[in-house]
Amino acid sequence: MTEMLKGTLEGIVLTILEARPAYGYEITTHLREQGFTDIAEGTVYALLVRIEQRGFVDVEKVPSEKGPPRKVYSLNAAGRAQLAEFWRTWAFLAGRIDRLRTERTAHDEHADTEG
């Protein structure tokens, strides 16, 4: 997994939980269905532990048909605030990156016409 994806995975998972509560395997499956095929299940579980420790989610243990109870994660008010901050930061960075890309493209086109 790329470093860029690692840096945005928290926001991606919080976005999934904003839609509805889910447990770890459901989140991993949803990510894979969205094209994030390189994300290991262990990576998602480690992230869930971190966001639980940071107070961004509420956790409910739900009985499972097989094995121990599942931890179902739901986004709480602190998590929604963190997600809003993630999207503000994303918009800022995306805008600056796009501007740099556009400037580079314009520079390259200008250089091509001079050559």
PDB file of N, CA and C in Angstrom:
ATOM      1  N   MET A   1       0.856  -1.181   0.000  1.00  0.00           N
ATOM      2  CA  MET A   1       0.000   0.000   0.000  1.00  0.00           C
ATOM      3  C   MET A   1       0.899   1.241   0.000  1.00  0.00           C
ATOM      4  N   THR A   2       0.522   2.206  -0.784  1.00  0.00           N
ATOM      5  CA  THR A   2       1.341   3.407  -0.882  1.00  0.00           C
ATOM      6  C   THR A   2       1.224   4.245   0.383  1.00  0.00           C
ATOM      7  N   GLU A   3       2.215   5.063   0.601  1.00  0.00           N
ATOM      8  CA  GLU A   3       2.198   5.959   1.764  1.00  0.00           C
ATOM      9  C   GLU A   3       1.036   6.949   1.672  1.00  0.00           C
ATOM     10  N   MET A   4       0.714   7.383   0.459  1.00  0.00           N
ATOM     11  CA  MET A   4      -0.386   8.332   0.304  1.00  0.00           C
ATOM     12  C   MET A   4      -1.702   7.700   0.744  1.00  0.00           C
ATOM     13  N   LEU A   5      -1.927   6.450   0.358  1.00  0.00           N
ATOM     14  CA  LEU A   5      -3.153   5.764   0.759  1.00  0.00           C
ATOM     15  C   LEU A   5      -3.182   5.554   2.270  1.00  0.00           C
ATOM     16  N   LYS A   6      -2.046   5.196   2.844  1.00  0.00           N
ATOM     17  CA  LYS A   6      -1.992   5.031   4.305  1.00  0.00           C
ATOM     18  C   LYS A   6      -2.399   6.317   5.004  1.00  0.00           C
ATOM     19  N   GLY A   7      -1.981   7.438   4.462  1.00  0.00           N
ATOM     20  CA  GLY A   7      -2.280   8.729   5.067  1.00  0.00           C
ATOM     21  C   GLY A   7      -3.742   9.133   4.958  1.00  0.00           C
ATOM     22  N   THR A   8      -4.454   8.558   4.007  1.00  0.00           N
ATOM     23  CA  THR A   8      -5.855   8.922   3.813  1.00  0.00           C
ATOM     24  C   THR A   8      -6.824   7.836   4.280  1.00  0.00           C
ATOM     25  N   LEU A   9      -6.300   6.681   4.667  1.00  0.00           N
ATOM     26  CA  LEU A   9      -7.161   5.554   5.008  1.00  0.00           C
ATOM     27  C   LEU A   9      -8.099   5.870   6.177  1.00  0.00           C
ATOM     28  N   GLU A  10      -7.630   6.625   7.160  1.00  0.00           N
ATOM     29  CA  GLU A  10      -8.502   6.972   8.277  1.00  0.00           C
ATOM     30  C   GLU A  10      -9.737   7.715   7.786  1.00  0.00           C
ATOM     31  N   GLY A  11      -9.538   8.708   6.944  1.00  0.00           N
ATOM     32  CA  GLY A  11     -10.668   9.458   6.408  1.00  0.00           C
ATOM     33  C   GLY A  11     -11.594   8.588   5.573  1.00  0.00           C
ATOM     34  N   ILE A  12     -11.025   7.660   4.827  1.00  0.00           N
ATOM     35  CA  ILE A  12     -11.831   6.748   4.012  1.00  0.00           C
ATOM     36  C   ILE A  12     -12.696   5.866   4.903  1.00  0.00           C
ATOM     37  N   VAL A  13     -12.103   5.314   5.955  1.00  0.00           N
ATOM     38  CA  VAL A  13     -12.855   4.440   6.862  1.00  0.00           C
ATOM     39  C   VAL A  13     -13.914   5.242   7.622  1.00  0.00           C
ATOM     40  N   LEU A  14     -13.577   6.435   8.068  1.00  0.00           N
ATOM     41  CA  LEU A  14     -14.577   7.273   8.741  1.00  0.00           C
ATOM     42  C   LEU A  14     -15.737   7.589   7.805  1.00  0.00           C
ATOM     43  N   THR A  15     -15.443   7.781   6.523  1.00  0.00           N
ATOM     44  CA  THR A  15     -16.496   8.033   5.536  1.00  0.00           C
ATOM     45  C   THR A  15     -17.419   6.825   5.398  1.00  0.00           C
ATOM     46  N   ILE A  16     -16.840   5.639   5.381  1.00  0.00           N
ATOM     47  CA  ILE A  16     -17.648   4.412   5.326  1.00  0.00           C
ATOM     48  C   ILE A  16     -18.555   4.334   6.551  1.00  0.00           C
ATOM     49  N   LEU A  17     -17.989   4.635   7.723  1.00  0.00           N
ATOM     50  CA  LEU A  17     -18.772   4.559   8.963  1.00  0.00           C
ATOM     51  C   LEU A  17     -19.796   5.679   9.078  1.00  0.00           C
ATOM     52  N   GLU A  18     -19.585   6.760   8.358  1.00  0.00           N
ATOM     53  CA  GLU A  18     -20.571   7.840   8.351  1.00  0.00           C
ATOM     54  C   GLU A  18     -21.880   7.341   7.725  1.00  0.00           C
ATOM     55  N   ALA A  19     -21.757   6.467   6.734  1.00  0.00           N
ATOM     56  CA  ALA A  19     -22.944   5.942   6.055  1.00  0.00           C
ATOM     57  C   ALA A  19     -23.729   4.988   6.946  1.00  0.00           C
ATOM     58  N   ARG A  20     -22.999   4.131   7.694  1.00  0.00           N
ATOM     59  CA  ARG A  20     -23.675   3.178   8.585  1.00  0.00           C
ATOM     60  C   ARG A  20     -22.648   2.461   9.446  1.00  0.00           C
ATOM     61  N   PRO A  21     -23.060   1.965  10.601  1.00  0.00           N
ATOM     62  CA  PRO A  21     -22.152   1.178  11.441  1.00  0.00           C
ATOM     63  C   PRO A  21     -21.708  -0.087  10.706  1.00  0.00           C
ATOM     64  N   ALA A  22     -20.510  -0.544  11.020  1.00  0.00           N
ATOM     65  CA  ALA A  22     -19.982  -1.739  10.362  1.00  0.00           C
ATOM     66  C   ALA A  22     -18.918  -2.372  11.247  1.00  0.00           C
ATOM     67  N   TYR A  23     -18.642  -3.633  10.989  1.00  0.00           N
ATOM     68  CA  TYR A  23     -17.538  -4.307  11.676  1.00  0.00           C
ATOM     69  C   TYR A  23     -16.366  -4.428  10.707  1.00  0.00           C
ATOM     70  N   GLY A  24     -15.209  -4.793  11.236  1.00  0.00           N
ATOM     71  CA  GLY A  24     -13.966  -4.757  10.483  1.00  0.00           C
ATOM     72  C   GLY A  24     -13.998  -5.460   9.144  1.00  0.00           C
ATOM     73  N   TYR A  25     -14.513  -6.685   9.120  1.00  0.00           N
ATOM     74  CA  TYR A  25     -14.531  -7.437   7.868  1.00  0.00           C
ATOM     75  C   TYR A  25     -15.423  -6.752   6.833  1.00  0.00           C
ATOM     76  N   GLU A  26     -16.560  -6.198   7.272  1.00  0.00           N
ATOM     77  CA  GLU A  26     -17.439  -5.466   6.349  1.00  0.00           C
ATOM     78  C   GLU A  26     -16.711  -4.271   5.736  1.00  0.00           C
ATOM     79  N   ILE A  27     -15.961  -3.564   6.558  1.00  0.00           N
ATOM     80  CA  ILE A  27     -15.217  -2.392   6.078  1.00  0.00           C
ATOM     81  C   ILE A  27     -14.180  -2.818   5.051  1.00  0.00           C
ATOM     82  N   THR A  28     -13.429  -3.873   5.359  1.00  0.00           N
ATOM     83  CA  THR A  28     -12.410  -4.367   4.429  1.00  0.00           C
ATOM     84  C   THR A  28     -13.048  -4.795   3.115  1.00  0.00           C
ATOM     85  N   THR A  29     -14.159  -5.511   3.182  1.00  0.00           N
ATOM     86  CA  THR A  29     -14.862  -5.954   1.977  1.00  0.00           C
ATOM     87  C   THR A  29     -15.323  -4.758   1.153  1.00  0.00           C
ATOM     88  N   HIS A  30     -15.886  -3.758   1.816  1.00  0.00           N
ATOM     89  CA  HIS A  30     -16.353  -2.555   1.119  1.00  0.00           C
ATOM     90  C   HIS A  30     -15.184  -1.843   0.431  1.00  0.00           C
ATOM     91  N   LEU A  31     -14.060  -1.732   1.116  1.00  0.00           N
ATOM     92  CA  LEU A  31     -12.877  -1.109   0.520  1.00  0.00           C
ATOM     93  C   LEU A  31     -12.442  -1.858  -0.734  1.00  0.00           C
ATOM     94  N   ARG A  32     -12.415  -3.166  -0.662  1.00  0.00           N
ATOM     95  CA  ARG A  32     -12.008  -3.976  -1.822  1.00  0.00           C
ATOM     96  C   ARG A  32     -12.991  -3.824  -2.972  1.00  0.00           C
ATOM     97  N   GLU A  33     -14.275  -3.756  -2.650  1.00  0.00           N
ATOM     98  CA  GLU A  33     -15.289  -3.547  -3.691  1.00  0.00           C
ATOM     99  C   GLU A  33     -15.113  -2.188  -4.373  1.00  0.00           C
ATOM    100  N   GLN A  34     -14.565  -1.222  -3.644  1.00  0.00           N
ATOM    101  CA  GLN A  34     -14.328   0.119  -4.191  1.00  0.00           C
ATOM    102  C   GLN A  34     -12.994   0.224  -4.923  1.00  0.00           C
ATOM    103  N   GLY A  35     -12.268  -0.895  -5.034  1.00  0.00           N
ATOM    104  CA  GLY A  35     -11.012  -0.897  -5.777  1.00  0.00           C
ATOM    105  C   GLY A  35      -9.757  -0.820  -4.935  1.00  0.00           C
ATOM    106  N   PHE A  36      -9.890  -0.755  -3.629  1.00  0.00           N
ATOM    107  CA  PHE A  36      -8.726  -0.725  -2.738  1.00  0.00           C
ATOM    108  C   PHE A  36      -8.308  -2.162  -2.435  1.00  0.00           C
ATOM    109  N   THR A  37      -7.852  -2.867  -3.461  1.00  0.00           N
ATOM    110  CA  THR A  37      -7.592  -4.306  -3.346  1.00  0.00           C
ATOM    111  C   THR A  37      -6.317  -4.637  -2.585  1.00  0.00           C
ATOM    112  N   ASP A  38      -5.414  -3.689  -2.456  1.00  0.00           N
ATOM    113  CA  ASP A  38      -4.132  -3.956  -1.794  1.00  0.00           C
ATOM    114  C   ASP A  38      -4.171  -3.771  -0.283  1.00  0.00           C
ATOM    115  N   ILE A  39      -5.296  -3.360   0.262  1.00  0.00           N
ATOM    116  CA  ILE A  39      -5.372  -3.107   1.704  1.00  0.00           C
ATOM    117  C   ILE A  39      -5.557  -4.434   2.443  1.00  0.00           C
ATOM    118  N   ALA A  40      -4.637  -4.703   3.338  1.00  0.00           N
ATOM    119  CA  ALA A  40      -4.710  -5.932   4.134  1.00  0.00           C
ATOM    120  C   ALA A  40      -5.726  -5.754   5.256  1.00  0.00           C
ATOM    121  N   GLU A  41      -6.396  -6.847   5.593  1.00  0.00           N
ATOM    122  CA  GLU A  41      -7.387  -6.810   6.663  1.00  0.00           C
ATOM    123  C   GLU A  41      -6.758  -6.331   7.966  1.00  0.00           C
ATOM    124  N   GLY A  42      -5.529  -6.751   8.235  1.00  0.00           N
ATOM    125  CA  GLY A  42      -4.834  -6.341   9.451  1.00  0.00           C
ATOM    126  C   GLY A  42      -4.625  -4.838   9.530  1.00  0.00           C
ATOM    127  N   THR A  43      -4.426  -4.208   8.382  1.00  0.00           N
ATOM    128  CA  THR A  43      -4.260  -2.754   8.334  1.00  0.00           C
ATOM    129  C   THR A  43      -5.539  -2.065   8.794  1.00  0.00           C
ATOM    130  N   VAL A  44      -6.680  -2.583   8.337  1.00  0.00           N
ATOM    131  CA  VAL A  44      -7.973  -1.995   8.720  1.00  0.00           C
ATOM    132  C   VAL A  44      -8.217  -2.193  10.206  1.00  0.00           C
ATOM    133  N   TYR A  45      -7.926  -3.392  10.724  1.00  0.00           N
ATOM    134  CA  TYR A  45      -8.146  -3.640  12.152  1.00  0.00           C
ATOM    135  C   TYR A  45      -7.257  -2.750  13.019  1.00  0.00           C
ATOM    136  N   ALA A  46      -6.006  -2.565  12.618  1.00  0.00           N
ATOM    137  CA  ALA A  46      -5.105  -1.681  13.371  1.00  0.00           C
ATOM    138  C   ALA A  46      -5.639  -0.244  13.364  1.00  0.00           C
ATOM    139  N   LEU A  47      -6.159   0.187  12.232  1.00  0.00           N
ATOM    140  CA  LEU A  47      -6.738   1.525  12.137  1.00  0.00           C
ATOM    141  C   LEU A  47      -7.967   1.644  13.026  1.00  0.00           C
ATOM    142  N   LEU A  48      -8.807   0.613  13.058  1.00  0.00           N
ATOM    143  CA  LEU A  48     -10.000   0.641  13.904  1.00  0.00           C
ATOM    144  C   LEU A  48      -9.631   0.758  15.381  1.00  0.00           C
ATOM    145  N   VAL A  49      -8.581   0.086  15.789  1.00  0.00           N
ATOM    146  CA  VAL A  49      -8.102   0.200  17.173  1.00  0.00           C
ATOM    147  C   VAL A  49      -7.698   1.648  17.457  1.00  0.00           C
ATOM    148  N   ARG A  50      -6.961   2.252  16.519  1.00  0.00           N
ATOM    149  CA  ARG A  50      -6.503   3.637  16.712  1.00  0.00           C
ATOM    150  C   ARG A  50      -7.670   4.609  16.792  1.00  0.00           C
ATOM    151  N   ILE A  51      -8.654   4.478  15.877  1.00  0.00           N
ATOM    152  CA  ILE A  51      -9.752   5.448  15.908  1.00  0.00           C
ATOM    153  C   ILE A  51     -10.660   5.219  17.113  1.00  0.00           C
ATOM    154  N   GLU A  52     -10.700   3.981  17.610  1.00  0.00           N
ATOM    155  CA  GLU A  52     -11.437   3.734  18.859  1.00  0.00           C
ATOM    156  C   GLU A  52     -10.713   4.400  20.028  1.00  0.00           C
ATOM    157  N   GLN A  53      -9.388   4.251  20.081  1.00  0.00           N
ATOM    158  CA  GLN A  53      -8.600   4.855  21.166  1.00  0.00           C
ATOM    159  C   GLN A  53      -8.670   6.377  21.129  1.00  0.00           C
ATOM    160  N   ARG A  54      -8.788   6.943  19.941  1.00  0.00           N
ATOM    161  CA  ARG A  54      -8.867   8.399  19.793  1.00  0.00           C
ATOM    162  C   ARG A  54     -10.282   8.926  20.033  1.00  0.00           C
ATOM    163  N   GLY A  55     -11.237   8.020  20.253  1.00  0.00           N
ATOM    164  CA  GLY A  55     -12.594   8.433  20.606  1.00  0.00           C
ATOM    165  C   GLY A  55     -13.462   8.854  19.436  1.00  0.00           C
ATOM    166  N   PHE A  56     -13.146   8.400  18.204  1.00  0.00           N
ATOM    167  CA  PHE A  56     -13.898   8.796  17.024  1.00  0.00           C
ATOM    168  C   PHE A  56     -15.086   7.885  16.732  1.00  0.00           C
ATOM    169  N   VAL A  57     -15.120   6.735  17.393  1.00  0.00           N
ATOM    170  CA  VAL A  57     -16.194   5.770  17.136  1.00  0.00           C
ATOM    171  C   VAL A  57     -16.740   5.238  18.446  1.00  0.00           C
ATOM    172  N   ASP A  58     -17.983   4.801  18.390  1.00  0.00           N
ATOM    173  CA  ASP A  58     -18.569   4.039  19.479  1.00  0.00           C
ATOM    174  C   ASP A  58     -18.534   2.578  19.040  1.00  0.00           C
ATOM    175  N   VAL A  59     -18.344   1.684  19.999  1.00  0.00           N
ATOM    176  CA  VAL A  59     -18.207   0.267  19.685  1.00  0.00           C
ATOM    177  C   VAL A  59     -19.267  -0.521  20.441  1.00  0.00           C
ATOM    178  N   GLU A  60     -19.923  -1.398  19.708  1.00  0.00           N
ATOM    179  CA  GLU A  60     -20.906  -2.294  20.315  1.00  0.00           C
ATOM    180  C   GLU A  60     -20.519  -3.721  19.965  1.00  0.00           C
ATOM    181  N   LYS A  61     -20.484  -4.569  20.980  1.00  0.00           N
ATOM    182  CA  LYS A  61     -20.190  -5.980  20.716  1.00  0.00           C
ATOM    183  C   LYS A  61     -21.500  -6.687  20.389  1.00  0.00           C
ATOM    184  N   VAL A  62     -21.521  -7.317  19.215  1.00  0.00           N
ATOM    185  CA  VAL A  62     -22.719  -7.985  18.721  1.00  0.00           C
ATOM    186  C   VAL A  62     -22.413  -9.468  18.586  1.00  0.00           C
ATOM    187  N   PRO A  63     -23.293 -10.341  19.111  1.00  0.00           N
ATOM    188  CA  PRO A  63     -23.037 -11.781  19.008  1.00  0.00           C
ATOM    189  C   PRO A  63     -22.838 -12.209  17.556  1.00  0.00           C
ATOM    190  N   SER A  64     -21.933 -13.158  17.372  1.00  0.00           N
ATOM    191  CA  SER A  64     -21.632 -13.685  16.051  1.00  0.00           C
ATOM    192  C   SER A  64     -22.100 -15.129  15.970  1.00  0.00           C
ATOM    193  N   GLU A  65     -22.507 -15.557  14.779  1.00  0.00           N
ATOM    194  CA  GLU A  65     -22.922 -16.948  14.603  1.00  0.00           C
ATOM    195  C   GLU A  65     -21.758 -17.896  14.820  1.00  0.00           C
ATOM    196  N   LYS A  66     -20.565 -17.428  14.468  1.00  0.00           N
ATOM    197  CA  LYS A  66     -19.360 -18.234  14.635  1.00  0.00           C
ATOM    198  C   LYS A  66     -18.358 -17.433  15.456  1.00  0.00           C
ATOM    199  N   GLY A  67     -17.822 -18.020  16.478  1.00  0.00           N
ATOM    200  CA  GLY A  67     -16.751 -17.385  17.230  1.00  0.00           C
ATOM    201  C   GLY A  67     -17.198 -16.289  18.173  1.00  0.00           C
ATOM    202  N   PRO A  68     -16.229 -15.445  18.535  1.00  0.00           N
ATOM    203  CA  PRO A  68     -16.493 -14.378  19.528  1.00  0.00           C
ATOM    204  C   PRO A  68     -17.394 -13.290  18.946  1.00  0.00           C
ATOM    205  N   PRO A  69     -17.934 -12.441  19.826  1.00  0.00           N
ATOM    206  CA  PRO A  69     -18.786 -11.343  19.340  1.00  0.00           C
ATOM    207  C   PRO A  69     -17.999 -10.414  18.410  1.00  0.00           C
ATOM    208  N   ARG A  70     -18.719  -9.813  17.489  1.00  0.00           N
ATOM    209  CA  ARG A  70     -18.106  -8.843  16.570  1.00  0.00           C
ATOM    210  C   ARG A  70     -18.203  -7.454  17.184  1.00  0.00           C
ATOM    211  N   LYS A  71     -17.166  -6.653  16.916  1.00  0.00           N
ATOM    212  CA  LYS A  71     -17.194  -5.255  17.320  1.00  0.00           C
ATOM    213  C   LYS A  71     -17.755  -4.450  16.162  1.00  0.00           C
ATOM    214  N   VAL A  72     -18.902  -3.827  16.404  1.00  0.00           N
ATOM    215  CA  VAL A  72     -19.515  -2.983  15.379  1.00  0.00           C
ATOM    216  C   VAL A  72     -19.173  -1.542  15.718  1.00  0.00           C
ATOM    217  N   TYR A  73     -18.591  -0.839  14.742  1.00  0.00           N
ATOM    218  CA  TYR A  73     -18.120   0.529  14.922  1.00  0.00           C
ATOM    219  C   TYR A  73     -19.130   1.495  14.317  1.00  0.00           C
ATOM    220  N   SER A  74     -19.444   2.551  15.057  1.00  0.00           N
ATOM    221  CA  SER A  74     -20.304   3.605  14.519  1.00  0.00           C
ATOM    222  C   SER A  74     -19.654   4.959  14.795  1.00  0.00           C
ATOM    223  N   LEU A  75     -19.768   5.837  13.844  1.00  0.00           N
ATOM    224  CA  LEU A  75     -19.173   7.162  13.955  1.00  0.00           C
ATOM    225  C   LEU A  75     -19.924   7.982  14.999  1.00  0.00           C
ATOM    226  N   ASN A  76     -19.182   8.630  15.891  1.00  0.00           N
ATOM    227  CA  ASN A  76     -19.810   9.494  16.902  1.00  0.00           C
ATOM    228  C   ASN A  76     -19.510  10.966  16.558  1.00  0.00           C
ATOM    229  N   ALA A  77     -19.889  11.870  17.438  1.00  0.00           N
ATOM    230  CA  ALA A  77     -19.717  13.304  17.173  1.00  0.00           C
ATOM    231  C   ALA A  77     -18.245  13.670  16.962  1.00  0.00           C
ATOM    232  N   ALA A  78     -17.353  13.117  17.773  1.00  0.00           N
ATOM    233  CA  ALA A  78     -15.920  13.405  17.604  1.00  0.00           C
ATOM    234  C   ALA A  78     -15.427  12.875  16.265  1.00  0.00           C
ATOM    235  N   GLY A  79     -15.925  11.720  15.869  1.00  0.00           N
ATOM    236  CA  GLY A  79     -15.550  11.144  14.576  1.00  0.00           C
ATOM    237  C   GLY A  79     -16.061  11.983  13.413  1.00  0.00           C
ATOM    238  N   ARG A  80     -17.286  12.504  13.549  1.00  0.00           N
ATOM    239  CA  ARG A  80     -17.823  13.371  12.494  1.00  0.00           C
ATOM    240  C   ARG A  80     -17.004  14.663  12.381  1.00  0.00           C
ATOM    241  N   ALA A  81     -16.570  15.195  13.521  1.00  0.00           N
ATOM    242  CA  ALA A  81     -15.719  16.396  13.502  1.00  0.00           C
ATOM    243  C   ALA A  81     -14.379  16.090  12.841  1.00  0.00           C
ATOM    244  N   GLN A  82     -13.806  14.943  13.162  1.00  0.00           N
ATOM    245  CA  GLN A  82     -12.538  14.534  12.552  1.00  0.00           C
ATOM    246  C   GLN A  82     -12.707  14.342  11.050  1.00  0.00           C
ATOM    247  N   LEU A  83     -13.825  13.755  10.650  1.00  0.00           N
ATOM    248  CA  LEU A  83     -14.088  13.546   9.221  1.00  0.00           C
ATOM    249  C   LEU A  83     -14.240  14.882   8.502  1.00  0.00           C
ATOM    250  N   ALA A  84     -14.926  15.827   9.116  1.00  0.00           N
ATOM    251  CA  ALA A  84     -15.061  17.157   8.511  1.00  0.00           C
ATOM    252  C   ALA A  84     -13.691  17.801   8.327  1.00  0.00           C
ATOM    253  N   GLU A  85     -12.815  17.638   9.314  1.00  0.00           N
ATOM    254  CA  GLU A  85     -11.450  18.176   9.208  1.00  0.00           C
ATOM    255  C   GLU A  85     -10.681  17.469   8.093  1.00  0.00           C
ATOM    256  N   PHE A  86     -10.855  16.165   7.985  1.00  0.00           N
ATOM    257  CA  PHE A  86     -10.215  15.402   6.905  1.00  0.00           C
ATOM    258  C   PHE A  86     -10.618  15.972   5.545  1.00  0.00           C
ATOM    259  N   TRP A  87     -11.922  16.220   5.338  1.00  0.00           N
ATOM    260  CA  TRP A  87     -12.387  16.722   4.044  1.00  0.00           C
ATOM    261  C   TRP A  87     -11.918  18.149   3.790  1.00  0.00           C
ATOM    262  N   ARG A  88     -11.815  18.979   4.842  1.00  0.00           N
ATOM    263  CA  ARG A  88     -11.263  20.333   4.670  1.00  0.00           C
ATOM    264  C   ARG A  88      -9.806  20.246   4.211  1.00  0.00           C
ATOM    265  N   THR A  89      -9.049  19.384   4.861  1.00  0.00           N
ATOM    266  CA  THR A  89      -7.641  19.216   4.504  1.00  0.00           C
ATOM    267  C   THR A  89      -7.514  18.647   3.096  1.00  0.00           C
ATOM    268  N   TRP A  90      -8.346  17.657   2.783  1.00  0.00           N
ATOM    269  CA  TRP A  90      -8.325  17.047   1.452  1.00  0.00           C
ATOM    270  C   TRP A  90      -8.599  18.102   0.371  1.00  0.00           C
ATOM    271  N   ALA A  91      -9.615  18.936   0.591  1.00  0.00           N
ATOM    272  CA  ALA A  91      -9.964  19.960  -0.392  1.00  0.00           C
ATOM    273  C   ALA A  91      -8.809  20.946  -0.584  1.00  0.00           C
ATOM    274  N   PHE A  92      -8.175  21.336   0.521  1.00  0.00           N
ATOM    275  CA  PHE A  92      -7.037  22.251   0.447  1.00  0.00           C
ATOM    276  C   PHE A  92      -5.906  21.624  -0.362  1.00  0.00           C
ATOM    277  N   LEU A  93      -5.521  20.393   0.008  1.00  0.00           N
ATOM    278  CA  LEU A  93      -4.413  19.725  -0.679  1.00  0.00           C
ATOM    279  C   LEU A  93      -4.732  19.438  -2.147  1.00  0.00           C
ATOM    280  N   ALA A  94      -5.935  18.956  -2.405  1.00  0.00           N
ATOM    281  CA  ALA A  94      -6.323  18.645  -3.781  1.00  0.00           C
ATOM    282  C   ALA A  94      -6.279  19.902  -4.644  1.00  0.00           C
ATOM    283  N   GLY A  95      -6.735  21.018  -4.106  1.00  0.00           N
ATOM    284  CA  GLY A  95      -6.698  22.272  -4.850  1.00  0.00           C
ATOM    285  C   GLY A  95      -5.284  22.710  -5.168  1.00  0.00           C
ATOM    286  N   ARG A  96      -4.393  22.610  -4.187  1.00  0.00           N
ATOM    287  CA  ARG A  96      -2.996  23.022  -4.404  1.00  0.00           C
ATOM    288  C   ARG A  96      -2.289  22.073  -5.373  1.00  0.00           C
ATOM    289  N   ILE A  97      -2.540  20.794  -5.239  1.00  0.00           N
ATOM    290  CA  ILE A  97      -1.912  19.816  -6.142  1.00  0.00           C
ATOM    291  C   ILE A  97      -2.412  20.026  -7.567  1.00  0.00           C
ATOM    292  N   ASP A  98      -3.702  20.247  -7.716  1.00  0.00           N
ATOM    293  CA  ASP A  98      -4.261  20.481  -9.045  1.00  0.00           C
ATOM    294  C   ASP A  98      -3.677  21.752  -9.656  1.00  0.00           C
ATOM    295  N   ARG A  99      -3.517  22.785  -8.839  1.00  0.00           N
ATOM    296  CA  ARG A  99      -2.929  24.026  -9.337  1.00  0.00           C
ATOM    297  C   ARG A  99      -1.491  23.793  -9.807  1.00  0.00           C
ATOM    298  N   LEU A 100      -0.717  23.032  -9.025  1.00  0.00           N
ATOM    299  CA  LEU A 100       0.652  22.715  -9.435  1.00  0.00           C
ATOM    300  C   LEU A 100       0.674  21.919 -10.735  1.00  0.00           C
ATOM    301  N   ARG A 101      -0.229  20.956 -10.846  1.00  0.00           N
ATOM    302  CA  ARG A 101      -0.296  20.127 -12.052  1.00  0.00           C
ATOM    303  C   ARG A 101      -0.677  20.983 -13.256  1.00  0.00           C
ATOM    304  N   THR A 102      -1.638  21.880 -13.077  1.00  0.00           N
ATOM    305  CA  THR A 102      -2.083  22.754 -14.165  1.00  0.00           C
ATOM    306  C   THR A 102      -0.958  23.688 -14.588  1.00  0.00           C
ATOM    307  N   GLU A 103      -0.238  24.253 -13.616  1.00  0.00           N
ATOM    308  CA  GLU A 103       0.889  25.131 -13.929  1.00  0.00           C
ATOM    309  C   GLU A 103       1.976  24.379 -14.678  1.00  0.00           C
ATOM    310  N   ARG A 104       2.231  23.139 -14.271  1.00  0.00           N
ATOM    311  CA  ARG A 104       3.263  22.334 -14.935  1.00  0.00           C
ATOM    312  C   ARG A 104       2.841  22.029 -16.361  1.00  0.00           C
ATOM    313  N   THR A 105       1.568  21.677 -16.549  1.00  0.00           N
ATOM    314  CA  THR A 105       1.062  21.365 -17.878  1.00  0.00           C
ATOM    315  C   THR A 105       1.150  22.593 -18.780  1.00  0.00           C
ATOM    316  N   ALA A 106       0.762  23.746 -18.241  1.00  0.00           N
ATOM    317  CA  ALA A 106       0.834  24.987 -19.018  1.00  0.00           C
ATOM    318  C   ALA A 106       2.284  25.310 -19.369  1.00  0.00           C
ATOM    319  N   HIS A 107       3.202  25.110 -18.433  1.00  0.00           N
ATOM    320  CA  HIS A 107       4.624  25.355 -18.683  1.00  0.00           C
ATOM    321  C   HIS A 107       5.145  24.423 -19.770  1.00  0.00           C
ATOM    322  N   ASP A 108       4.770  23.134 -19.683  1.00  0.00           N
ATOM    323  CA  ASP A 108       5.212  22.148 -20.677  1.00  0.00           C
ATOM    324  C   ASP A 108       4.673  22.492 -22.060  1.00  0.00           C
ATOM    325  N   GLU A 109       3.400  22.930 -22.135  1.00  0.00           N
ATOM    326  CA  GLU A 109       2.811  23.305 -23.428  1.00  0.00           C
ATOM    327  C   GLU A 109       3.493  24.535 -23.983  1.00  0.00           C
ATOM    328  N   HIS A 110       3.834  25.488 -23.115  1.00  0.00           N
ATOM    329  CA  HIS A 110       4.522  26.703 -23.541  1.00  0.00           C
ATOM    330  C   HIS A 110       5.915  26.347 -24.088  1.00  0.00           C
ATOM    331  N   ALA A 111       6.619  25.460 -23.391  1.00  0.00           N
ATOM    332  CA  ALA A 111       7.950  25.040 -23.817  1.00  0.00           C
ATOM    333  C   ALA A 111       7.879  24.322 -25.167  1.00  0.00           C
ATOM    334  N   ASP A 112       6.822  23.539 -25.387  1.00  0.00           N
ATOM    335  CA  ASP A 112       6.667  22.807 -26.647  1.00  0.00           C
ATOM    336  C   ASP A 112       6.470  23.754 -27.823  1.00  0.00           C
ATOM    337  N   THR A 113       5.771  24.872 -27.595  1.00  0.00           N
ATOM    338  CA  THR A 113       5.508  25.819 -28.696  1.00  0.00           C
ATOM    339  C   THR A 113       6.734  26.659 -29.024  1.00  0.00           C
ATOM    340  N   GLU A 114       7.657  26.786 -28.085  1.00  0.00           N
ATOM    341  CA  GLU A 114       8.862  27.585 -28.307  1.00  0.00           C
ATOM    342  C   GLU A 114       9.936  26.777 -29.035  1.00  0.00           C
ATOM    343  N   GLY A 115       9.862  25.450 -28.907  1.00  0.00           N
ATOM    344  CA  GLY A 115      10.927  24.582 -29.390  1.00  0.00           C
ATOM    345  C   GLY A 115      10.939  24.431 -30.830  1.00  0.00           C
TER     346      GLY A 115
END
